[in-house]
N, C-alpha and C. Protein backbone atom coordinates (compact mmCIF):
# COMPACT_ATOMS: atom_id res chain seq x y z
N UNK A 1 125.73 166.66 29.21
CA UNK A 1 125.37 166.84 30.59
C UNK A 1 123.99 167.46 30.62
N UNK A 2 123.06 166.81 31.22
CA UNK A 2 121.67 167.27 31.25
C UNK A 2 121.33 167.75 32.65
N UNK A 3 120.54 168.81 32.71
CA UNK A 3 120.09 169.33 34.00
C UNK A 3 118.74 168.73 34.33
N UNK A 4 118.51 168.44 35.60
CA UNK A 4 117.26 167.81 36.00
C UNK A 4 116.12 168.81 36.01
N UNK A 5 114.96 168.36 35.68
CA UNK A 5 113.76 169.18 35.72
C UNK A 5 112.71 168.48 36.54
N UNK A 6 111.49 168.90 36.41
CA UNK A 6 110.42 168.29 37.16
C UNK A 6 109.86 167.05 36.46
N UNK A 7 110.17 166.90 35.22
CA UNK A 7 109.70 165.70 34.51
C UNK A 7 110.75 164.61 34.62
N UNK A 8 110.30 163.39 34.65
CA UNK A 8 111.20 162.26 34.79
C UNK A 8 111.17 161.47 33.48
N UNK A 9 111.98 161.90 32.50
CA UNK A 9 111.99 161.28 31.18
C UNK A 9 112.92 160.08 31.12
N UNK A 10 113.89 160.02 31.99
CA UNK A 10 114.89 158.96 31.89
C UNK A 10 114.39 157.65 32.47
N UNK A 11 113.41 157.68 33.36
CA UNK A 11 112.87 156.46 33.91
C UNK A 11 113.73 155.85 34.99
N UNK A 12 114.66 156.62 35.60
CA UNK A 12 115.52 156.05 36.61
C UNK A 12 114.86 156.01 37.99
N UNK A 13 113.64 156.56 38.15
CA UNK A 13 112.90 156.46 39.40
C UNK A 13 113.13 157.60 40.37
N UNK A 14 114.00 158.56 40.09
CA UNK A 14 114.20 159.70 40.98
C UNK A 14 113.01 160.65 40.85
N UNK A 15 112.60 161.22 41.99
CA UNK A 15 111.47 162.14 42.00
C UNK A 15 111.97 163.48 42.51
N UNK A 16 111.81 164.53 41.75
CA UNK A 16 112.32 165.84 42.12
C UNK A 16 111.32 166.66 42.90
N UNK A 17 110.13 166.16 43.16
CA UNK A 17 109.11 166.90 43.91
C UNK A 17 109.32 166.71 45.41
N UNK A 18 108.93 167.75 46.17
CA UNK A 18 109.04 167.69 47.61
C UNK A 18 107.80 167.00 48.16
N UNK A 19 108.00 166.06 49.05
CA UNK A 19 106.89 165.35 49.67
C UNK A 19 106.43 166.16 50.87
N UNK A 20 105.20 166.69 50.83
CA UNK A 20 104.68 167.58 51.88
C UNK A 20 103.98 166.82 53.01
N UNK A 21 103.69 165.57 52.84
CA UNK A 21 102.93 164.81 53.83
C UNK A 21 103.64 164.76 55.19
N UNK A 22 104.94 164.44 55.27
CA UNK A 22 105.58 164.43 56.60
C UNK A 22 105.58 165.81 57.26
N UNK A 23 105.72 166.87 56.47
CA UNK A 23 105.69 168.22 57.03
C UNK A 23 104.32 168.53 57.61
N UNK A 24 103.28 168.15 56.91
CA UNK A 24 101.92 168.39 57.39
C UNK A 24 101.67 167.57 58.66
N UNK A 25 102.16 166.34 58.70
CA UNK A 25 101.99 165.50 59.89
C UNK A 25 102.66 166.13 61.11
N UNK A 26 103.85 166.63 60.93
CA UNK A 26 104.57 167.27 62.04
C UNK A 26 103.82 168.51 62.52
N UNK A 27 103.32 169.31 61.58
CA UNK A 27 102.59 170.53 61.96
C UNK A 27 101.30 170.19 62.71
N UNK A 28 100.59 169.15 62.30
CA UNK A 28 99.38 168.74 63.00
C UNK A 28 99.68 168.25 64.40
N UNK A 29 100.78 167.52 64.58
CA UNK A 29 101.17 167.07 65.92
C UNK A 29 101.51 168.27 66.80
N UNK A 30 102.23 169.25 66.27
CA UNK A 30 102.55 170.45 67.05
C UNK A 30 101.28 171.23 67.40
N UNK A 31 100.34 171.29 66.49
CA UNK A 31 99.08 171.98 66.75
C UNK A 31 98.32 171.30 67.89
N UNK A 32 98.26 169.98 67.88
CA UNK A 32 97.58 169.25 68.95
C UNK A 32 98.29 169.49 70.28
N UNK A 33 99.61 169.49 70.28
CA UNK A 33 100.36 169.73 71.52
C UNK A 33 100.05 171.12 72.06
N UNK A 34 100.03 172.13 71.22
CA UNK A 34 99.72 173.49 71.67
C UNK A 34 98.28 173.61 72.16
N UNK A 35 97.35 172.94 71.51
CA UNK A 35 95.96 172.99 71.95
C UNK A 35 95.81 172.36 73.33
N UNK A 36 96.54 171.30 73.59
CA UNK A 36 96.44 170.63 74.89
C UNK A 36 97.15 171.42 75.98
N UNK A 37 98.31 172.01 75.69
CA UNK A 37 99.09 172.68 76.73
C UNK A 37 98.69 174.13 76.97
N UNK A 38 98.01 174.78 76.06
CA UNK A 38 97.66 176.19 76.23
C UNK A 38 96.76 176.43 77.44
N UNK A 39 95.73 175.64 77.69
CA UNK A 39 94.92 175.89 78.89
C UNK A 39 95.69 175.68 80.19
N UNK A 40 96.71 174.85 80.17
CA UNK A 40 97.49 174.61 81.38
C UNK A 40 98.37 175.81 81.74
N UNK A 41 98.69 176.64 80.76
CA UNK A 41 99.58 177.79 80.99
C UNK A 41 98.84 178.97 81.63
N UNK A 42 97.51 178.96 81.66
CA UNK A 42 96.75 180.10 82.17
C UNK A 42 96.49 180.04 83.66
N UNK A 43 96.87 178.98 84.34
CA UNK A 43 96.66 178.89 85.77
C UNK A 43 97.58 179.86 86.48
N UNK A 44 97.00 180.62 87.39
CA UNK A 44 97.78 181.59 88.15
C UNK A 44 98.02 181.07 89.56
N UNK A 45 99.02 181.60 90.19
CA UNK A 45 99.34 181.24 91.56
C UNK A 45 98.39 181.99 92.48
N UNK A 46 97.75 181.29 93.38
CA UNK A 46 96.82 181.91 94.33
C UNK A 46 97.63 182.63 95.41
N UNK A 47 97.40 183.94 95.53
CA UNK A 47 98.09 184.74 96.54
C UNK A 47 97.02 185.47 97.34
N UNK A 48 97.15 185.47 98.64
CA UNK A 48 96.22 186.18 99.51
C UNK A 48 96.73 187.60 99.68
N UNK A 49 96.17 188.54 98.91
CA UNK A 49 96.64 189.93 98.93
C UNK A 49 96.04 190.69 100.11
N UNK A 50 96.79 191.65 100.66
CA UNK A 50 96.24 192.45 101.76
C UNK A 50 95.17 193.41 101.23
N UNK A 51 94.24 193.77 102.10
CA UNK A 51 93.14 194.67 101.73
C UNK A 51 93.50 196.07 102.22
N UNK A 52 93.38 197.06 101.31
CA UNK A 52 93.65 198.45 101.67
C UNK A 52 92.37 199.25 101.56
N UNK A 53 92.25 200.27 102.40
CA UNK A 53 91.03 201.08 102.43
C UNK A 53 91.18 202.38 101.64
N UNK A 54 92.22 202.53 100.85
CA UNK A 54 92.43 203.77 100.12
C UNK A 54 91.75 203.72 98.76
N UNK A 55 91.47 204.88 98.22
CA UNK A 55 90.87 205.01 96.90
C UNK A 55 91.95 205.46 95.93
N UNK A 56 91.89 204.99 94.68
CA UNK A 56 92.89 205.47 93.71
C UNK A 56 92.70 206.96 93.44
N UNK A 57 93.82 207.63 93.25
CA UNK A 57 93.81 209.07 93.02
C UNK A 57 93.83 209.32 91.52
N UNK A 58 92.66 209.53 90.95
CA UNK A 58 92.56 209.81 89.52
C UNK A 58 92.61 211.32 89.30
N UNK A 59 93.74 211.79 88.81
CA UNK A 59 93.90 213.21 88.53
C UNK A 59 93.60 213.43 87.06
N UNK A 60 92.51 214.14 86.80
CA UNK A 60 92.14 214.43 85.42
C UNK A 60 92.78 215.75 85.00
N UNK A 61 93.29 215.80 83.78
CA UNK A 61 93.93 217.04 83.35
C UNK A 61 92.92 218.16 83.17
N UNK A 62 93.39 219.35 83.37
CA UNK A 62 92.58 220.55 83.19
C UNK A 62 92.29 220.72 81.70
N UNK A 63 91.14 221.31 81.41
CA UNK A 63 90.78 221.59 80.02
C UNK A 63 90.78 223.10 79.81
N UNK A 64 91.51 223.55 78.82
CA UNK A 64 91.57 224.97 78.49
C UNK A 64 90.78 225.20 77.22
N UNK A 65 89.80 226.10 77.29
CA UNK A 65 89.00 226.45 76.12
C UNK A 65 89.65 227.65 75.46
N UNK A 66 90.14 227.46 74.25
CA UNK A 66 90.80 228.52 73.50
C UNK A 66 89.91 228.86 72.31
N UNK A 67 89.29 230.02 72.34
CA UNK A 67 88.35 230.42 71.29
C UNK A 67 88.99 231.49 70.41
N UNK A 68 88.74 231.38 69.11
CA UNK A 68 89.28 232.35 68.14
C UNK A 68 88.11 232.87 67.32
N UNK A 69 87.91 234.17 67.34
CA UNK A 69 86.82 234.78 66.58
C UNK A 69 87.28 235.09 65.15
N UNK A 70 86.32 235.50 64.32
CA UNK A 70 86.61 235.78 62.91
C UNK A 70 87.62 236.91 62.75
N UNK A 71 87.58 237.89 63.63
CA UNK A 71 88.51 239.02 63.51
C UNK A 71 89.91 238.68 64.01
N UNK A 72 90.13 237.47 64.52
CA UNK A 72 91.44 237.04 64.97
C UNK A 72 91.67 237.20 66.46
N UNK A 73 90.68 237.71 67.19
CA UNK A 73 90.85 237.86 68.64
C UNK A 73 90.76 236.49 69.31
N UNK A 74 91.61 236.29 70.33
CA UNK A 74 91.75 235.00 71.00
C UNK A 74 91.26 235.14 72.43
N UNK A 75 90.54 234.10 72.90
CA UNK A 75 90.00 234.08 74.25
C UNK A 75 90.49 232.82 74.95
N UNK A 76 91.13 233.02 76.11
CA UNK A 76 91.63 231.91 76.94
C UNK A 76 90.62 231.71 78.06
N UNK A 77 89.86 230.63 78.00
CA UNK A 77 88.77 230.36 78.95
C UNK A 77 87.85 231.58 79.07
N UNK A 78 87.39 232.08 77.93
CA UNK A 78 86.45 233.21 77.80
C UNK A 78 87.04 234.53 78.25
N UNK A 79 88.34 234.62 78.40
CA UNK A 79 89.00 235.87 78.78
C UNK A 79 89.88 236.32 77.60
N UNK A 80 89.66 237.54 77.09
CA UNK A 80 90.44 237.98 75.93
C UNK A 80 91.94 238.11 76.27
N UNK A 81 92.79 237.59 75.36
CA UNK A 81 94.24 237.66 75.55
C UNK A 81 94.89 238.05 74.23
N UNK A 82 96.09 238.63 74.32
CA UNK A 82 96.85 238.94 73.12
C UNK A 82 97.90 237.84 72.91
N UNK A 83 98.69 237.97 71.85
CA UNK A 83 99.63 236.91 71.47
C UNK A 83 100.65 236.64 72.57
N UNK A 84 101.20 237.67 73.17
CA UNK A 84 102.21 237.47 74.22
C UNK A 84 101.60 236.79 75.45
N UNK A 85 100.36 237.14 75.76
CA UNK A 85 99.71 236.56 76.94
C UNK A 85 99.40 235.08 76.75
N UNK A 86 98.89 234.68 75.56
CA UNK A 86 98.58 233.25 75.39
C UNK A 86 99.85 232.43 75.28
N UNK A 87 100.93 233.01 74.73
CA UNK A 87 102.19 232.27 74.68
C UNK A 87 102.73 232.04 76.08
N UNK A 88 102.64 233.06 76.94
CA UNK A 88 103.10 232.91 78.32
C UNK A 88 102.24 231.90 79.08
N UNK A 89 100.93 231.93 78.85
CA UNK A 89 100.04 230.99 79.53
C UNK A 89 100.28 229.56 79.03
N UNK A 90 100.59 229.42 77.75
CA UNK A 90 100.87 228.07 77.22
C UNK A 90 102.15 227.51 77.82
N UNK A 91 103.16 228.36 77.98
CA UNK A 91 104.41 227.90 78.59
C UNK A 91 104.19 227.51 80.05
N UNK A 92 103.35 228.27 80.75
CA UNK A 92 103.05 227.93 82.15
C UNK A 92 102.23 226.64 82.23
N UNK A 93 101.31 226.45 81.29
CA UNK A 93 100.47 225.24 81.29
C UNK A 93 101.30 224.00 80.94
N UNK A 94 102.34 224.17 80.13
CA UNK A 94 103.18 223.03 79.75
C UNK A 94 103.98 222.51 80.94
N UNK A 95 104.18 223.34 81.97
CA UNK A 95 104.94 222.93 83.15
C UNK A 95 104.09 222.15 84.15
N UNK A 96 102.75 222.19 83.98
CA UNK A 96 101.86 221.50 84.91
C UNK A 96 101.92 219.99 84.69
N UNK A 97 101.62 219.25 85.77
CA UNK A 97 101.54 217.80 85.68
C UNK A 97 100.20 217.36 86.23
N UNK A 98 99.37 216.72 85.50
CA UNK A 98 99.45 216.40 84.07
C UNK A 98 99.18 217.63 83.23
N UNK A 99 99.67 217.59 82.01
CA UNK A 99 99.48 218.73 81.12
C UNK A 99 98.01 218.88 80.76
N UNK A 100 97.53 220.12 80.70
CA UNK A 100 96.12 220.33 80.35
C UNK A 100 95.87 220.07 78.87
N UNK A 101 94.61 219.79 78.57
CA UNK A 101 94.19 219.64 77.18
C UNK A 101 93.71 220.99 76.68
N UNK A 102 94.06 221.33 75.46
CA UNK A 102 93.61 222.59 74.87
C UNK A 102 92.55 222.27 73.82
N UNK A 103 91.36 222.81 74.03
CA UNK A 103 90.26 222.65 73.08
C UNK A 103 90.13 223.94 72.29
N UNK A 104 90.39 223.87 71.00
CA UNK A 104 90.37 225.05 70.14
C UNK A 104 88.99 225.17 69.51
N UNK A 105 88.37 226.31 69.71
CA UNK A 105 87.08 226.63 69.11
C UNK A 105 87.33 227.80 68.15
N UNK A 106 87.38 227.50 66.88
CA UNK A 106 87.66 228.53 65.88
C UNK A 106 86.41 228.81 65.06
N UNK A 107 86.19 230.06 64.74
CA UNK A 107 85.05 230.46 63.89
C UNK A 107 85.23 229.83 62.51
N UNK A 108 84.12 229.44 61.90
CA UNK A 108 84.17 228.79 60.60
C UNK A 108 84.68 229.68 59.49
N UNK A 109 84.53 230.98 59.63
CA UNK A 109 84.98 231.92 58.60
C UNK A 109 86.41 232.39 58.83
N UNK A 110 87.05 231.90 59.88
CA UNK A 110 88.41 232.33 60.23
C UNK A 110 89.43 231.75 59.26
N UNK A 111 90.44 232.54 58.93
CA UNK A 111 91.52 232.05 58.06
C UNK A 111 92.31 230.97 58.81
N UNK A 112 92.66 229.93 58.10
CA UNK A 112 93.34 228.78 58.70
C UNK A 112 94.70 229.15 59.29
N UNK A 113 95.34 230.18 58.74
CA UNK A 113 96.66 230.57 59.23
C UNK A 113 96.61 231.02 60.69
N UNK A 114 95.47 231.57 61.12
CA UNK A 114 95.34 231.97 62.52
C UNK A 114 95.29 230.75 63.44
N UNK A 115 94.62 229.71 63.02
CA UNK A 115 94.54 228.49 63.81
C UNK A 115 95.91 227.82 63.86
N UNK A 116 96.62 227.81 62.73
CA UNK A 116 97.95 227.20 62.67
C UNK A 116 98.92 227.94 63.58
N UNK A 117 98.78 229.25 63.68
CA UNK A 117 99.64 230.04 64.57
C UNK A 117 99.45 229.61 66.02
N UNK A 118 98.19 229.41 66.42
CA UNK A 118 97.91 228.95 67.79
C UNK A 118 98.49 227.55 68.02
N UNK A 119 98.30 226.67 67.03
CA UNK A 119 98.81 225.30 67.16
C UNK A 119 100.33 225.29 67.23
N UNK A 120 100.98 226.11 66.44
CA UNK A 120 102.45 226.18 66.46
C UNK A 120 102.95 226.72 67.80
N UNK A 121 102.26 227.72 68.35
CA UNK A 121 102.66 228.25 69.65
C UNK A 121 102.49 227.19 70.75
N UNK A 122 101.42 226.40 70.67
CA UNK A 122 101.22 225.34 71.66
C UNK A 122 102.30 224.27 71.55
N UNK A 123 102.65 223.89 70.33
CA UNK A 123 103.70 222.89 70.14
C UNK A 123 105.05 223.41 70.60
N UNK A 124 105.31 224.67 70.33
CA UNK A 124 106.59 225.27 70.74
C UNK A 124 106.68 225.36 72.26
N UNK A 125 105.54 225.57 72.93
CA UNK A 125 105.53 225.64 74.39
C UNK A 125 105.67 224.26 75.02
N UNK A 126 105.37 223.20 74.25
CA UNK A 126 105.50 221.85 74.77
C UNK A 126 104.18 221.18 75.08
N UNK A 127 103.08 221.77 74.66
CA UNK A 127 101.77 221.17 74.88
C UNK A 127 101.47 220.18 73.76
N UNK A 128 101.07 218.98 74.11
CA UNK A 128 100.86 217.96 73.10
C UNK A 128 99.42 217.55 72.88
N UNK A 129 98.53 217.96 73.77
CA UNK A 129 97.13 217.53 73.65
C UNK A 129 96.28 218.68 73.15
N UNK A 130 96.03 218.66 71.84
CA UNK A 130 95.19 219.68 71.21
C UNK A 130 93.96 219.00 70.64
N UNK A 131 92.84 219.69 70.71
CA UNK A 131 91.62 219.16 70.14
C UNK A 131 90.82 220.30 69.51
N UNK A 132 90.02 219.94 68.52
CA UNK A 132 89.17 220.92 67.85
C UNK A 132 87.73 220.66 68.25
N UNK A 133 87.03 221.71 68.62
CA UNK A 133 85.63 221.62 69.01
C UNK A 133 84.79 222.10 67.84
N UNK A 134 83.82 221.28 67.44
CA UNK A 134 82.93 221.64 66.34
C UNK A 134 81.50 221.58 66.83
N UNK A 135 80.61 222.14 66.03
CA UNK A 135 79.19 222.10 66.33
C UNK A 135 78.56 221.01 65.49
N UNK A 136 78.13 219.90 66.11
CA UNK A 136 77.61 218.78 65.31
C UNK A 136 76.28 219.10 64.65
N UNK A 137 75.57 220.10 65.12
CA UNK A 137 74.26 220.43 64.55
C UNK A 137 74.35 221.31 63.33
N UNK A 138 75.49 221.93 63.07
CA UNK A 138 75.63 222.85 61.95
C UNK A 138 75.75 222.06 60.65
N UNK A 139 75.20 222.60 59.59
CA UNK A 139 75.28 221.94 58.29
C UNK A 139 76.61 222.26 57.63
N UNK A 140 77.12 221.32 56.88
CA UNK A 140 78.40 221.47 56.17
C UNK A 140 78.11 222.04 54.80
N UNK A 141 78.89 223.03 54.41
CA UNK A 141 78.68 223.66 53.09
C UNK A 141 79.41 222.90 52.03
């Protein structure tokens, strides 16, 4: 009992290869059909819409500047605050709609753990929009 392979040694005329020509022909016909019908699908129904005189109400979220000095002191919009005060303000800000964005300005010499503490407090309060403010003119060491 012999198993068939890709070679045809017996000469019985059977071909074990797949003929790709009909598949390619079908795909080309489908491609032509899609090319012809695609522009017809973009026509929209003409509707006469009413005209309104109102302006859209774009409410931009408040931006809170949170600055941290090298000694660890924190400033909420240039006003010095302690840990309990910024946590309370973050919880109050999380209740606003839309939520304000917090821009953190940290001194370059500040220990990273102080910045992480502020970020953790903001996340715990429910604030999701945090950003870091840098000075683009300063050279990187």
